[in-house]
Amino acid sequence: MHDFLKKTKRRHVKEIPLAPILDLLTVVIFFLILSASFIEIRQDTLPPSSTVVSKSDPLVPLVIPLNPKLILGKNNGEIVLLLKWFGQTPGQIIKKLKLSKSNYDANLKQNTNEIVKDFMKKFPKESQIQLGWQGNIKYQTVLTVVDGVLTEMKDLVFISPEEAETLFQKSF
């Protein structure tokens, strides 16, 4: 009966040493402070926006760019040079060349040069032309056409084969 009134021995629990934990926290806080970038918090103010009203002169016509494109393709065993332009007076020039081994590069370069000259007679202020070709055109053929264009035109820009194919198909 006296068993339940008996005092039991308390277990002794070791205390956790606080000094290493405080040392660790000091190092972590010191590291965080050093690694933080100190930025001055400020508010940037923009100058007040000004409203500009532009008035277009009704006497000056709106100029739509020509955007000339020279497309190189094959159609029924022939090389086709298609020069197409847009703008106020859209149009196109088409030259077809038979594929022959003799003097092929010279004929192609000359015909390309003629097409570009004809275009330049109509639009002498134009200084740029875009060049595209179908996927079945040989690299040497493209280089020959580039040589023919650059004898007359100052700037040459290549367009994607997909755009060239679309323009070529729409024209035939």
Protein backbone atom coordinates (compact mmCIF):
# COMPACT_ATOMS: atom_id res chain seq x y z
CA MET A 1 0.00 0.00 0.00
CA HIS A 2 2.81 2.27 0.55
CA ASP A 3 4.22 1.58 -2.90
CA PHE A 4 2.31 4.28 -4.62
CA LEU A 5 3.44 6.85 -2.14
CA LYS A 6 7.01 6.01 -2.68
CA LYS A 7 9.05 8.71 -4.27
CA THR A 8 10.47 7.69 -7.55
CA LYS A 9 13.87 8.79 -8.56
CA ARG A 10 13.90 11.54 -11.10
CA ARG A 11 15.85 10.92 -14.19
CA HIS A 12 18.60 13.35 -14.78
CA VAL A 13 18.32 15.08 -18.21
CA LYS A 14 21.45 16.58 -19.62
CA GLU A 15 21.18 20.22 -20.39
CA ILE A 16 21.74 21.32 -23.97
CA PRO A 17 24.84 23.46 -24.19
CA LEU A 18 23.75 26.90 -25.37
CA ALA A 19 27.18 28.37 -26.11
CA PRO A 20 27.74 26.44 -29.41
CA ILE A 21 24.22 27.30 -30.60
CA LEU A 22 24.78 30.99 -29.87
CA ASP A 23 28.13 30.83 -31.67
CA LEU A 24 26.45 29.25 -34.69
CA LEU A 25 23.68 31.87 -34.77
CA THR A 26 26.24 34.65 -34.53
CA VAL A 27 28.16 33.28 -37.50
CA VAL A 28 24.98 32.77 -39.57
CA ILE A 29 23.72 36.28 -38.84
CA PHE A 30 27.12 37.75 -39.61
CA PHE A 31 27.22 35.80 -42.92
CA LEU A 32 23.71 36.94 -43.90
CA ILE A 33 24.54 40.56 -43.20
CA LEU A 34 27.71 40.38 -45.29
CA SER A 35 26.03 38.62 -48.21
CA ALA A 36 23.05 40.96 -48.33
CA SER A 37 23.26 43.73 -50.88
CA PHE A 38 22.48 47.06 -49.39
CA ILE A 39 20.28 48.94 -51.79
CA GLU A 40 19.03 52.37 -51.12
CA ILE A 41 15.30 52.15 -51.23
CA ARG A 42 14.01 55.09 -53.14
CA GLN A 43 11.23 55.93 -55.48
CA ASP A 44 12.13 56.87 -59.01
CA THR A 45 9.88 59.53 -60.34
CA LEU A 46 9.39 59.98 -64.02
CA PRO A 47 8.96 63.38 -65.53
CA PRO A 48 5.38 64.18 -66.40
CA SER A 49 4.40 62.84 -69.77
CA SER A 50 3.82 65.34 -72.47
CA THR A 51 1.17 64.89 -75.08
CA VAL A 52 2.26 65.43 -78.64
CA VAL A 53 -0.34 65.82 -81.28
CA SER A 54 0.94 65.26 -84.77
CA LYS A 55 -0.94 66.62 -87.66
CA SER A 56 -0.39 65.04 -91.02
CA ASP A 57 -0.45 67.24 -94.04
CA PRO A 58 -3.36 66.19 -96.27
CA LEU A 59 -1.43 67.36 -99.33
CA VAL A 60 1.44 64.92 -98.73
CA PRO A 61 0.41 61.44 -99.88
CA LEU A 62 1.08 58.39 -97.73
CA VAL A 63 4.07 56.52 -99.16
CA ILE A 64 3.78 52.74 -99.13
CA PRO A 65 7.18 51.02 -99.41
CA LEU A 66 7.90 49.04 -102.56
CA ASN A 67 9.48 46.13 -100.71
CA PRO A 68 10.92 44.50 -103.86
CA LYS A 69 11.50 40.75 -103.73
CA LEU A 70 13.46 38.68 -106.22
CA ILE A 71 12.40 35.04 -106.09
CA LEU A 72 14.47 32.30 -107.73
CA GLY A 73 12.60 29.13 -108.58
CA LYS A 74 12.24 26.20 -110.95
CA ASN A 75 9.17 25.61 -113.08
CA ASN A 76 8.90 22.90 -115.77
CA GLY A 77 12.66 22.46 -116.03
CA GLU A 78 13.33 26.19 -116.33
CA ILE A 79 14.95 28.62 -113.94
CA VAL A 80 12.46 31.41 -113.21
CA LEU A 81 13.49 34.85 -111.97
CA LEU A 82 10.51 36.64 -110.49
CA LEU A 83 10.93 40.25 -109.34
CA LYS A 84 7.83 41.38 -107.49
CA TRP A 85 7.21 44.74 -105.80
CA PHE A 86 4.38 46.30 -103.90
CA GLY A 87 3.52 49.90 -102.96
CA GLN A 88 1.41 52.45 -104.87
CA THR A 89 2.02 50.72 -108.21
CA PRO A 90 2.62 47.00 -107.59
CA GLY A 91 4.03 44.90 -110.37
CA GLN A 92 6.34 42.11 -111.37
CA ILE A 93 8.93 41.11 -113.95
CA ILE A 94 9.40 37.46 -114.89
CA LYS A 95 12.30 35.93 -116.82
CA LYS A 96 12.53 32.24 -117.67
CA LEU A 97 15.80 30.57 -118.58
CA LYS A 98 16.36 27.15 -120.06
CA LEU A 99 18.73 24.99 -118.06
CA SER A 100 21.79 24.37 -120.20
CA LYS A 101 25.34 23.55 -119.20
CA SER A 102 27.04 25.92 -121.63
CA ASN A 103 27.46 29.46 -120.34
CA TYR A 104 24.79 28.89 -117.68
CA ASP A 105 26.28 31.15 -115.00
CA ALA A 106 26.94 34.04 -117.39
CA ASN A 107 23.39 33.93 -118.81
CA LEU A 108 21.84 33.75 -115.35
CA LYS A 109 23.94 36.66 -114.05
CA GLN A 110 23.17 38.75 -117.15
CA ASN A 111 19.42 38.09 -116.96
CA THR A 112 19.39 38.88 -113.25
CA ASN A 113 21.26 42.09 -113.95
CA GLU A 114 18.74 43.04 -116.68
CA ILE A 115 15.75 42.48 -114.38
CA VAL A 116 17.29 44.63 -111.66
CA LYS A 117 18.21 47.35 -114.20
CA ASP A 118 14.62 47.42 -115.50
CA PHE A 119 13.38 47.80 -111.93
CA MET A 120 15.93 50.53 -111.19
CA LYS A 121 14.80 52.51 -114.26
CA LYS A 122 11.27 52.57 -112.83
CA PHE A 123 12.33 53.21 -109.23
CA PRO A 124 15.78 54.85 -109.13
CA LYS A 125 15.60 55.77 -105.44
CA GLU A 126 15.21 52.16 -104.32
CA SER A 127 18.42 50.86 -102.75
CA GLN A 128 17.43 47.50 -101.30
CA ILE A 129 16.06 44.24 -102.65
CA GLN A 130 15.08 41.02 -100.90
CA LEU A 131 16.17 37.68 -102.33
CA GLY A 132 14.56 34.32 -101.77
CA TRP A 133 14.70 30.95 -103.47
CA GLN A 134 12.89 27.66 -103.52
CA GLY A 135 14.40 24.70 -101.73
CA ASN A 136 15.35 22.88 -104.93
CA ILE A 137 17.76 25.60 -106.15
CA LYS A 138 21.48 24.87 -106.05
CA TYR A 139 23.80 27.02 -103.95
CA GLN A 140 25.93 28.02 -106.97
CA THR A 141 22.79 29.29 -108.72
CA VAL A 142 21.93 31.45 -105.71
CA LEU A 143 25.47 32.89 -105.65
CA THR A 144 25.27 33.72 -109.36
CA VAL A 145 21.98 35.58 -108.81
CA VAL A 146 23.49 37.42 -105.82
CA ASP A 147 26.38 38.55 -108.05
CA GLY A 148 23.90 39.77 -110.67
CA VAL A 149 21.87 41.72 -108.11
CA LEU A 150 24.83 43.35 -106.36
CA THR A 151 26.15 44.89 -109.58
CA GLU A 152 23.11 47.21 -109.60
CA MET A 153 21.68 47.22 -106.09
CA LYS A 154 23.38 48.51 -102.95
CA ASP A 155 21.74 46.29 -100.31
CA LEU A 156 20.57 42.70 -100.47
CA VAL A 157 18.46 40.98 -97.79
CA PHE A 158 17.61 37.28 -97.77
CA ILE A 159 14.08 36.11 -97.03
CA SER A 160 12.95 32.72 -95.74
CA PRO A 161 12.41 29.83 -98.15
CA GLU A 162 8.80 29.55 -96.94
CA GLU A 163 8.04 33.16 -97.89
CA ALA A 164 9.81 32.72 -101.23
CA GLU A 165 7.83 29.54 -101.97
CA THR A 166 4.54 31.27 -101.11
CA LEU A 167 5.26 34.27 -103.35
CA PHE A 168 6.42 31.99 -106.17
CA GLN A 169 3.29 29.79 -105.99
CA LYS A 170 0.97 32.82 -105.91
CA SER A 171 2.55 34.18 -109.08
CA PHE A 172 2.04 31.02 -111.15
